[in-house]
Amino acid sequence: MSMYDVFDELMKSRKMNPTEVSRQTKIPRSMFTDWKNGRSTPKADKLKTLADFFGVSVDVFYDDDVKVQNSGQQKVYYENAETAQLAQEMFEDRDMRALFNMKKNMDPDRFAIQMRAFRDMYRLEHPEEFPEDFND
C-alpha cells in the first residue's frame, strides 16, 4: 500500500475528499493530485499536518505494522519476507536501534570513525569471520 493509498483510506474512513482536506489543512489540492499521480511525495511537514489532521501518527504513512483505522488493510513495506524479518529483528534489538539512531543523528565523518573502530575490534576478535575485502 502506497503512502497515497494510506491517505486515501484515511479520507474514506472519515467520508472526506481531497478538496475538503485541502480546505481544512491549507495544503494545496494540487499536491494531492501530484502525489496520487506519482509526480511527487509530500515533504515531512505536510505529512505531519495530515497525520495531525487525521489524528494518527506520521508512522501510519511509513510503518508496515501500522493499520489504517477502519481500512482492514495492512501496509507492506518489504516485499521480501526474509528482509522484513531481518528488519523486524533489528528494530526489536535495542542496540541496533541505538546504532541506527546514531547514524541518523551523527555527523557522517564521526560515524565513519565509529564504524571503523567497530570493524577493527571485530577483526581482532574474529579474524576468520570478517571479510577481507570490506573497506571504508
C-alpha atoms as a PDB file:
ATOM      1  CA  MET A   1       0.000   0.000   0.000  1.00  0.00           C
ATOM      2  CA  SER A   2       1.487   3.331  -1.051  1.00  0.00           C
ATOM      3  CA  MET A   3       1.572   6.451   1.070  1.00  0.00           C
ATOM      4  CA  TYR A   4      -1.180   7.918  -1.108  1.00  0.00           C
ATOM      5  CA  ASP A   5      -3.262   4.770  -0.590  1.00  0.00           C
ATOM      6  CA  VAL A   6      -2.969   5.310   3.162  1.00  0.00           C
ATOM      7  CA  PHE A   7      -4.076   8.928   2.702  1.00  0.00           C
ATOM      8  CA  ASP A   8      -6.988   7.742   0.544  1.00  0.00           C
ATOM      9  CA  GLU A   9      -8.018   5.184   3.188  1.00  0.00           C
ATOM     10  CA  LEU A  10      -7.891   7.854   5.878  1.00  0.00           C
ATOM     11  CA  MET A  11     -10.135  10.103   3.801  1.00  0.00           C
ATOM     12  CA  LYS A  12     -12.586   7.268   3.078  1.00  0.00           C
ATOM     13  CA  SER A  13     -12.746   6.288   6.733  1.00  0.00           C
ATOM     14  CA  ARG A  14     -13.842   9.846   7.522  1.00  0.00           C
ATOM     15  CA  LYS A  15     -16.036  10.245   4.429  1.00  0.00           C
ATOM     16  CA  MET A  16     -13.903  13.103   3.086  1.00  0.00           C
ATOM     17  CA  ASN A  17     -12.386  14.054  -0.263  1.00  0.00           C
ATOM     18  CA  PRO A  18      -9.118  15.830  -1.179  1.00  0.00           C
ATOM     19  CA  THR A  19     -10.847  19.178  -1.634  1.00  0.00           C
ATOM     20  CA  GLU A  20     -12.187  19.072   1.923  1.00  0.00           C
ATOM     21  CA  VAL A  21      -8.822  18.014   3.321  1.00  0.00           C
ATOM     22  CA  SER A  22      -7.111  20.776   1.353  1.00  0.00           C
ATOM     23  CA  ARG A  23      -9.511  23.410   2.642  1.00  0.00           C
ATOM     24  CA  GLN A  24      -9.121  22.336   6.268  1.00  0.00           C
ATOM     25  CA  THR A  25      -5.346  21.740   6.254  1.00  0.00           C
ATOM     26  CA  LYS A  26      -4.368  24.575   3.895  1.00  0.00           C
ATOM     27  CA  ILE A  27      -2.390  22.042   1.848  1.00  0.00           C
ATOM     28  CA  PRO A  28      -2.860  22.786  -1.860  1.00  0.00           C
ATOM     29  CA  ARG A  29      -5.211  20.383  -3.626  1.00  0.00           C
ATOM     30  CA  SER A  30      -2.648  20.136  -6.441  1.00  0.00           C
ATOM     31  CA  MET A  31      -0.220  18.432  -4.027  1.00  0.00           C
ATOM     32  CA  PHE A  32      -2.707  15.597  -3.550  1.00  0.00           C
ATOM     33  CA  THR A  33      -3.144  15.263  -7.325  1.00  0.00           C
ATOM     34  CA  ASP A  34       0.632  15.193  -7.908  1.00  0.00           C
ATOM     35  CA  TRP A  35       1.011  12.696  -5.084  1.00  0.00           C
ATOM     36  CA  LYS A  36      -1.723  10.453  -6.474  1.00  0.00           C
ATOM     37  CA  ASN A  37      -0.199  10.544  -9.965  1.00  0.00           C
ATOM     38  CA  GLY A  38       3.301   9.785  -8.673  1.00  0.00           C
ATOM     39  CA  ARG A  39       4.766  13.158  -9.612  1.00  0.00           C
ATOM     40  CA  SER A  40       5.738  13.983  -6.039  1.00  0.00           C
ATOM     41  CA  THR A  41       5.712  12.826  -2.445  1.00  0.00           C
ATOM     42  CA  PRO A  42       4.714  15.153   0.403  1.00  0.00           C
ATOM     43  CA  LYS A  43       7.516  16.573   2.498  1.00  0.00           C
ATOM     44  CA  ALA A  44       7.708  15.670   6.184  1.00  0.00           C
ATOM     45  CA  ASP A  45       5.952  18.847   7.344  1.00  0.00           C
ATOM     46  CA  LYS A  46       2.953  18.134   5.100  1.00  0.00           C
ATOM     47  CA  LEU A  47       2.776  14.515   6.293  1.00  0.00           C
ATOM     48  CA  LYS A  48       2.846  15.795   9.878  1.00  0.00           C
ATOM     49  CA  THR A  49      -0.014  18.184   9.099  1.00  0.00           C
ATOM     50  CA  LEU A  50      -2.017  15.338   7.550  1.00  0.00           C
ATOM     51  CA  ALA A  51      -1.256  12.971  10.433  1.00  0.00           C
ATOM     52  CA  ASP A  52      -2.358  15.610  12.951  1.00  0.00           C
ATOM     53  CA  PHE A  53      -5.475  16.353  10.917  1.00  0.00           C
ATOM     54  CA  PHE A  54      -6.500  12.681  10.798  1.00  0.00           C
ATOM     55  CA  GLY A  55      -5.450  12.044  14.402  1.00  0.00           C
ATOM     56  CA  VAL A  56      -2.860   9.409  13.535  1.00  0.00           C
ATOM     57  CA  SER A  57       0.884   9.054  13.875  1.00  0.00           C
ATOM     58  CA  VAL A  58       3.076  10.027  10.915  1.00  0.00           C
ATOM     59  CA  ASP A  59       4.248   6.414  11.119  1.00  0.00           C
ATOM     60  CA  VAL A  60       0.984   5.321   9.539  1.00  0.00           C
ATOM     61  CA  PHE A  61       2.411   6.591   6.233  1.00  0.00           C
ATOM     62  CA  TYR A  62       5.659   4.630   6.653  1.00  0.00           C
ATOM     63  CA  ASP A  63       5.419   1.648   9.026  1.00  0.00           C
ATOM     64  CA  ASP A  64       4.354  -1.756   7.771  1.00  0.00           C
ATOM     65  CA  ASP A  65       2.942  -2.619  11.201  1.00  0.00           C
ATOM     66  CA  VAL A  66       0.522   0.297  11.416  1.00  0.00           C
ATOM     67  CA  LYS A  67      -3.040  -0.269  10.261  1.00  0.00           C
ATOM     68  CA  VAL A  68      -5.194   2.498   8.868  1.00  0.00           C
ATOM     69  CA  GLN A  69      -8.228   2.841  11.083  1.00  0.00           C
ATOM     70  CA  ASN A  70     -11.310   1.127   9.617  1.00  0.00           C
ATOM     71  CA  SER A  71      -9.493   0.121   6.424  1.00  0.00           C
ATOM     72  CA  GLY A  72      -8.859  -3.508   7.278  1.00  0.00           C
ATOM     73  CA  GLN A  73      -5.662  -3.369   5.237  1.00  0.00           C
ATOM     74  CA  GLN A  74      -2.100  -3.519   6.446  1.00  0.00           C
ATOM     75  CA  LYS A  75       0.689  -1.688   4.657  1.00  0.00           C
ATOM     76  CA  VAL A  76       3.541  -3.842   3.411  1.00  0.00           C
ATOM     77  CA  TYR A  77       6.916  -2.140   3.323  1.00  0.00           C
ATOM     78  CA  TYR A  78       9.143  -5.098   2.473  1.00  0.00           C
ATOM     79  CA  GLU A  79       8.004  -7.445  -0.271  1.00  0.00           C
ATOM     80  CA  ASN A  80      10.678  -9.991   0.623  1.00  0.00           C
ATOM     81  CA  ALA A  81       9.714 -11.905   3.777  1.00  0.00           C
ATOM     82  CA  GLU A  82      13.340 -12.570   4.778  1.00  0.00           C
ATOM     83  CA  THR A  83      14.164  -8.862   4.565  1.00  0.00           C
ATOM     84  CA  ALA A  84      11.060  -7.987   6.561  1.00  0.00           C
ATOM     85  CA  GLN A  85      12.017 -10.499   9.264  1.00  0.00           C
ATOM     86  CA  LEU A  86      15.592  -9.190   9.438  1.00  0.00           C
ATOM     87  CA  ALA A  87      14.365  -5.589   9.639  1.00  0.00           C
ATOM     88  CA  GLN A  88      11.941  -6.526  12.419  1.00  0.00           C
ATOM     89  CA  GLU A  89      14.688  -8.286  14.398  1.00  0.00           C
ATOM     90  CA  MET A  90      16.960  -5.268  14.004  1.00  0.00           C
ATOM     91  CA  PHE A  91      14.135  -2.949  15.054  1.00  0.00           C
ATOM     92  CA  GLU A  92      13.466  -5.005  18.185  1.00  0.00           C
ATOM     93  CA  ASP A  93      17.169  -5.134  19.128  1.00  0.00           C
ATOM     94  CA  ARG A  94      17.841  -2.174  21.408  1.00  0.00           C
ATOM     95  CA  ASP A  95      21.500  -1.904  20.427  1.00  0.00           C
ATOM     96  CA  MET A  96      20.743  -1.979  16.700  1.00  0.00           C
ATOM     97  CA  ARG A  97      18.092   0.706  17.115  1.00  0.00           C
ATOM     98  CA  ALA A  98      20.617   2.818  19.009  1.00  0.00           C
ATOM     99  CA  LEU A  99      23.119   2.346  16.174  1.00  0.00           C
ATOM    100  CA  PHE A 100      20.528   3.430  13.602  1.00  0.00           C
ATOM    101  CA  ASN A 101      19.642   6.478  15.689  1.00  0.00           C
ATOM    102  CA  MET A 102      23.310   7.406  15.955  1.00  0.00           C
ATOM    103  CA  LYS A 103      23.686   7.013  12.192  1.00  0.00           C
ATOM    104  CA  LYS A 104      20.723   9.322  11.595  1.00  0.00           C
ATOM    105  CA  ASN A 105      21.814  11.976  14.064  1.00  0.00           C
ATOM    106  CA  MET A 106      25.603  11.930  13.957  1.00  0.00           C
ATOM    107  CA  ASP A 107      27.899  13.801  11.610  1.00  0.00           C
ATOM    108  CA  PRO A 108      28.789  11.327   8.811  1.00  0.00           C
ATOM    109  CA  ASP A 109      32.540  11.699   9.356  1.00  0.00           C
ATOM    110  CA  ARG A 110      32.227  10.984  13.089  1.00  0.00           C
ATOM    111  CA  PHE A 111      30.010   7.994  12.395  1.00  0.00           C
ATOM    112  CA  ALA A 112      32.558   6.628   9.896  1.00  0.00           C
ATOM    113  CA  ILE A 113      35.222   6.818  12.611  1.00  0.00           C
ATOM    114  CA  GLN A 114      32.965   4.853  14.977  1.00  0.00           C
ATOM    115  CA  MET A 115      32.278   2.230  12.327  1.00  0.00           C
ATOM    116  CA  ARG A 116      35.999   1.771  11.655  1.00  0.00           C
ATOM    117  CA  ALA A 117      36.520   1.248  15.389  1.00  0.00           C
ATOM    118  CA  PHE A 118      33.749  -1.393  15.490  1.00  0.00           C
ATOM    119  CA  ARG A 119      35.194  -3.104  12.426  1.00  0.00           C
ATOM    120  CA  ASP A 120      38.717  -3.115  13.827  1.00  0.00           C
ATOM    121  CA  MET A 121      37.569  -4.559  17.176  1.00  0.00           C
ATOM    122  CA  TYR A 122      35.587  -7.261  15.384  1.00  0.00           C
ATOM    123  CA  ARG A 123      38.542  -8.170  13.167  1.00  0.00           C
ATOM    124  CA  LEU A 124      40.724  -8.616  16.243  1.00  0.00           C
ATOM    125  CA  GLU A 125      38.179 -10.898  17.905  1.00  0.00           C
ATOM    126  CA  HIS A 126      37.004 -12.815  14.816  1.00  0.00           C
ATOM    127  CA  PRO A 127      39.611 -12.583  12.052  1.00  0.00           C
ATOM    128  CA  GLU A 128      38.351 -15.755  10.368  1.00  0.00           C
ATOM    129  CA  GLU A 129      34.791 -14.438  10.057  1.00  0.00           C
ATOM    130  CA  PHE A 130      35.334 -10.910   8.844  1.00  0.00           C
ATOM    131  CA  PRO A 131      35.524 -10.382   5.072  1.00  0.00           C
ATOM    132  CA  GLU A 132      38.933  -9.276   3.918  1.00  0.00           C
ATOM    133  CA  ASP A 133      37.517  -7.139   1.129  1.00  0.00           C
ATOM    134  CA  PHE A 134      35.485  -4.933   3.474  1.00  0.00           C
ATOM    135  CA  ASN A 135      36.791  -1.395   3.171  1.00  0.00           C
ATOM    136  CA  ASP A 136      35.756   2.021   4.467  1.00  0.00           C
END
